Amino acid sequence: MKKALIIGIMAVVFASGIGCTNMSRTQQGVASGAALGALGGAGIAAISGGMAGWGALAGAGVGALAGGIVGHEQDKRW
């Protein structure tokens, strides 16, 4: 389980660095918020004894929403 989590984290970091070059700040915020939220949600669910998959799904939704809001506000400033 630990090895799969480490590989997943590395894949997300690698993919987020490559895929976000031509995106607006809102799109970057949604993508990075979803990725970080999924990792955080899975970790919290695993630690608390819940199902990591559901935690990742919930975390991705909350992270995408928060990242989209922050990115949208940055787009409005620039």
N, C-alpha and C. Protein backbone atom coordinates (compact mmCIF):
# COMPACT_ATOMS: atom_id res chain seq x y z
N MET A 1 0.82 -1.19 0.00
CA MET A 1 0.00 0.00 0.00
C MET A 1 0.87 1.25 0.00
N LYS A 2 1.93 1.25 0.80
CA LYS A 2 2.81 2.40 0.88
C LYS A 2 3.48 2.68 -0.46
N LYS A 3 3.91 1.61 -1.11
CA LYS A 3 4.59 1.76 -2.40
C LYS A 3 3.64 2.34 -3.45
N ALA A 4 2.40 1.89 -3.47
CA ALA A 4 1.42 2.41 -4.43
C ALA A 4 1.12 3.88 -4.15
N LEU A 5 1.07 4.28 -2.90
CA LEU A 5 0.82 5.67 -2.55
C LEU A 5 1.98 6.56 -3.00
N ILE A 6 3.20 6.11 -2.80
CA ILE A 6 4.37 6.88 -3.22
C ILE A 6 4.40 7.03 -4.74
N ILE A 7 4.10 5.96 -5.46
CA ILE A 7 4.07 6.01 -6.92
C ILE A 7 2.97 6.95 -7.38
N GLY A 8 1.82 6.91 -6.73
CA GLY A 8 0.72 7.80 -7.08
C GLY A 8 1.07 9.27 -6.86
N ILE A 9 1.73 9.56 -5.75
CA ILE A 9 2.14 10.94 -5.47
C ILE A 9 3.14 11.42 -6.51
N MET A 10 4.09 10.58 -6.86
CA MET A 10 5.09 10.95 -7.87
C MET A 10 4.43 11.19 -9.22
N ALA A 11 3.45 10.37 -9.58
CA ALA A 11 2.76 10.53 -10.86
C ALA A 11 1.98 11.84 -10.90
N VAL A 12 1.33 12.18 -9.80
CA VAL A 12 0.57 13.44 -9.75
C VAL A 12 1.50 14.64 -9.86
N VAL A 13 2.60 14.61 -9.15
CA VAL A 13 3.55 15.73 -9.20
C VAL A 13 4.11 15.87 -10.61
N PHE A 14 4.47 14.77 -11.23
CA PHE A 14 5.03 14.81 -12.58
C PHE A 14 3.99 15.31 -13.59
N ALA A 15 2.78 14.78 -13.51
CA ALA A 15 1.74 15.17 -14.47
C ALA A 15 1.31 16.62 -14.28
N SER A 16 1.27 17.10 -13.06
CA SER A 16 0.86 18.48 -12.85
C SER A 16 1.89 19.47 -13.35
N GLY A 17 3.13 19.10 -13.33
CA GLY A 17 4.18 19.98 -13.84
C GLY A 17 4.17 20.09 -15.35
N ILE A 18 3.78 19.04 -16.04
CA ILE A 18 3.79 19.03 -17.50
C ILE A 18 2.48 19.58 -18.06
N GLY A 19 1.36 19.21 -17.48
CA GLY A 19 0.07 19.50 -18.08
C GLY A 19 -0.47 20.90 -17.88
N CYS A 20 0.14 21.70 -17.06
CA CYS A 20 -0.45 23.00 -16.71
C CYS A 20 0.17 24.18 -17.43
N THR A 21 0.97 23.97 -18.44
CA THR A 21 1.70 25.08 -19.04
C THR A 21 0.81 26.01 -19.85
N ASN A 22 -0.23 25.51 -20.51
CA ASN A 22 -1.08 26.35 -21.35
C ASN A 22 -2.45 26.59 -20.74
N MET A 23 -2.56 26.50 -19.44
CA MET A 23 -3.85 26.67 -18.77
C MET A 23 -3.95 28.05 -18.13
N SER A 24 -5.20 28.51 -17.96
CA SER A 24 -5.41 29.74 -17.20
C SER A 24 -5.17 29.45 -15.72
N ARG A 25 -5.13 30.50 -14.93
CA ARG A 25 -4.93 30.32 -13.49
C ARG A 25 -6.10 29.58 -12.85
N THR A 26 -7.30 29.79 -13.37
CA THR A 26 -8.46 29.07 -12.85
C THR A 26 -8.33 27.58 -13.11
N GLN A 27 -7.95 27.22 -14.33
CA GLN A 27 -7.80 25.82 -14.68
C GLN A 27 -6.67 25.18 -13.89
N GLN A 28 -5.57 25.90 -13.71
CA GLN A 28 -4.46 25.38 -12.91
C GLN A 28 -4.89 25.18 -11.46
N GLY A 29 -5.68 26.10 -10.95
CA GLY A 29 -6.15 25.98 -9.57
C GLY A 29 -7.05 24.77 -9.38
N VAL A 30 -7.94 24.54 -10.35
CA VAL A 30 -8.83 23.38 -10.27
C VAL A 30 -8.01 22.09 -10.32
N ALA A 31 -7.07 22.00 -11.25
CA ALA A 31 -6.29 20.77 -11.41
C ALA A 31 -5.41 20.50 -10.19
N SER A 32 -4.68 21.52 -9.74
CA SER A 32 -3.80 21.29 -8.60
C SER A 32 -4.60 21.11 -7.31
N GLY A 33 -5.71 21.82 -7.17
CA GLY A 33 -6.55 21.65 -5.99
C GLY A 33 -7.15 20.25 -5.91
N ALA A 34 -7.58 19.73 -7.06
CA ALA A 34 -8.13 18.37 -7.08
C ALA A 34 -7.07 17.34 -6.74
N ALA A 35 -5.87 17.52 -7.29
CA ALA A 35 -4.80 16.56 -7.01
C ALA A 35 -4.40 16.57 -5.54
N LEU A 36 -4.19 17.76 -5.01
CA LEU A 36 -3.80 17.86 -3.60
C LEU A 36 -4.93 17.43 -2.67
N GLY A 37 -6.16 17.77 -3.04
CA GLY A 37 -7.30 17.35 -2.22
C GLY A 37 -7.47 15.84 -2.21
N ALA A 38 -7.25 15.22 -3.35
CA ALA A 38 -7.36 13.76 -3.42
C ALA A 38 -6.30 13.09 -2.55
N LEU A 39 -5.08 13.60 -2.61
CA LEU A 39 -4.03 13.03 -1.77
C LEU A 39 -4.32 13.24 -0.29
N GLY A 40 -4.74 14.44 0.05
CA GLY A 40 -5.07 14.72 1.45
C GLY A 40 -6.25 13.91 1.95
N GLY A 41 -7.30 13.82 1.12
CA GLY A 41 -8.48 13.06 1.51
C GLY A 41 -8.19 11.58 1.67
N ALA A 42 -7.39 11.03 0.77
CA ALA A 42 -7.02 9.61 0.89
C ALA A 42 -6.19 9.37 2.13
N GLY A 43 -5.27 10.28 2.41
CA GLY A 43 -4.43 10.13 3.60
C GLY A 43 -5.23 10.21 4.88
N ILE A 44 -6.11 11.19 4.96
CA ILE A 44 -6.93 11.34 6.17
C ILE A 44 -7.85 10.14 6.35
N ALA A 45 -8.45 9.67 5.25
CA ALA A 45 -9.34 8.51 5.36
C ALA A 45 -8.57 7.26 5.77
N ALA A 46 -7.37 7.09 5.23
CA ALA A 46 -6.58 5.91 5.59
C ALA A 46 -6.15 5.95 7.05
N ILE A 47 -5.78 7.13 7.52
CA ILE A 47 -5.35 7.25 8.92
C ILE A 47 -6.52 7.04 9.88
N SER A 48 -7.69 7.54 9.51
CA SER A 48 -8.84 7.43 10.41
C SER A 48 -9.56 6.09 10.31
N GLY A 49 -9.09 5.22 9.43
CA GLY A 49 -9.69 3.89 9.32
C GLY A 49 -10.81 3.80 8.31
N GLY A 50 -11.02 4.83 7.52
CA GLY A 50 -12.07 4.81 6.50
C GLY A 50 -11.54 4.25 5.19
N MET A 51 -12.34 4.40 4.16
CA MET A 51 -11.95 3.93 2.83
C MET A 51 -11.21 5.05 2.11
N ALA A 52 -9.97 4.77 1.72
CA ALA A 52 -9.12 5.79 1.10
C ALA A 52 -9.71 6.28 -0.22
N GLY A 53 -10.38 5.42 -0.96
CA GLY A 53 -10.96 5.81 -2.24
C GLY A 53 -12.04 6.87 -2.08
N TRP A 54 -12.90 6.68 -1.10
CA TRP A 54 -13.95 7.68 -0.86
C TRP A 54 -13.36 8.97 -0.33
N GLY A 55 -12.33 8.86 0.49
CA GLY A 55 -11.66 10.05 0.99
C GLY A 55 -11.00 10.83 -0.14
N ALA A 56 -10.39 10.10 -1.08
CA ALA A 56 -9.77 10.76 -2.23
C ALA A 56 -10.81 11.44 -3.10
N LEU A 57 -11.94 10.81 -3.29
CA LEU A 57 -13.01 11.39 -4.10
C LEU A 57 -13.55 12.66 -3.46
N ALA A 58 -13.81 12.61 -2.18
CA ALA A 58 -14.32 13.79 -1.48
C ALA A 58 -13.27 14.89 -1.46
N GLY A 59 -12.03 14.53 -1.19
CA GLY A 59 -10.95 15.51 -1.16
C GLY A 59 -10.73 16.17 -2.51
N ALA A 60 -10.84 15.38 -3.58
CA ALA A 60 -10.68 15.94 -4.92
C ALA A 60 -11.77 16.95 -5.24
N GLY A 61 -12.99 16.67 -4.84
CA GLY A 61 -14.09 17.60 -5.08
C GLY A 61 -13.90 18.90 -4.33
N VAL A 62 -13.57 18.80 -3.06
CA VAL A 62 -13.38 20.01 -2.25
C VAL A 62 -12.15 20.79 -2.73
N GLY A 63 -11.09 20.06 -3.05
CA GLY A 63 -9.87 20.72 -3.53
C GLY A 63 -10.07 21.40 -4.87
N ALA A 64 -10.82 20.77 -5.78
CA ALA A 64 -11.09 21.38 -7.08
C ALA A 64 -11.91 22.65 -6.92
N LEU A 65 -12.88 22.62 -6.05
CA LEU A 65 -13.71 23.80 -5.80
C LEU A 65 -12.87 24.94 -5.21
N ALA A 66 -12.09 24.63 -4.20
CA ALA A 66 -11.27 25.67 -3.57
C ALA A 66 -10.21 26.19 -4.54
N GLY A 67 -9.57 25.29 -5.27
CA GLY A 67 -8.56 25.72 -6.24
C GLY A 67 -9.14 26.55 -7.35
N GLY A 68 -10.34 26.22 -7.79
CA GLY A 68 -11.01 27.00 -8.83
C GLY A 68 -11.34 28.40 -8.36
N ILE A 69 -11.78 28.52 -7.13
CA ILE A 69 -12.10 29.84 -6.58
C ILE A 69 -10.84 30.70 -6.47
N VAL A 70 -9.78 30.12 -5.93
CA VAL A 70 -8.53 30.86 -5.79
C VAL A 70 -7.97 31.25 -7.17
N GLY A 71 -7.97 30.31 -8.11
CA GLY A 71 -7.47 30.60 -9.45
C GLY A 71 -8.29 31.65 -10.16
N HIS A 72 -9.60 31.61 -9.97
CA HIS A 72 -10.48 32.61 -10.59
C HIS A 72 -10.18 34.00 -10.05
N GLU A 73 -9.97 34.10 -8.75
CA GLU A 73 -9.64 35.40 -8.15
C GLU A 73 -8.29 35.91 -8.68
N GLN A 74 -7.34 35.00 -8.90
CA GLN A 74 -6.05 35.42 -9.45
C GLN A 74 -6.21 35.87 -10.90
N ASP A 75 -7.07 35.21 -11.66
CA ASP A 75 -7.31 35.62 -13.04
C ASP A 75 -7.91 37.02 -13.10
N LYS A 76 -8.79 37.33 -12.16
CA LYS A 76 -9.44 38.65 -12.17
C LYS A 76 -8.43 39.76 -11.86
N ARG A 77 -7.42 39.47 -11.06
CA ARG A 77 -6.42 40.47 -10.69
C ARG A 77 -5.47 40.78 -11.84
N TRP A 78 -5.16 39.82 -12.64
CA TRP A 78 -4.16 39.99 -13.70
C TRP A 78 -4.86 40.40 -14.93
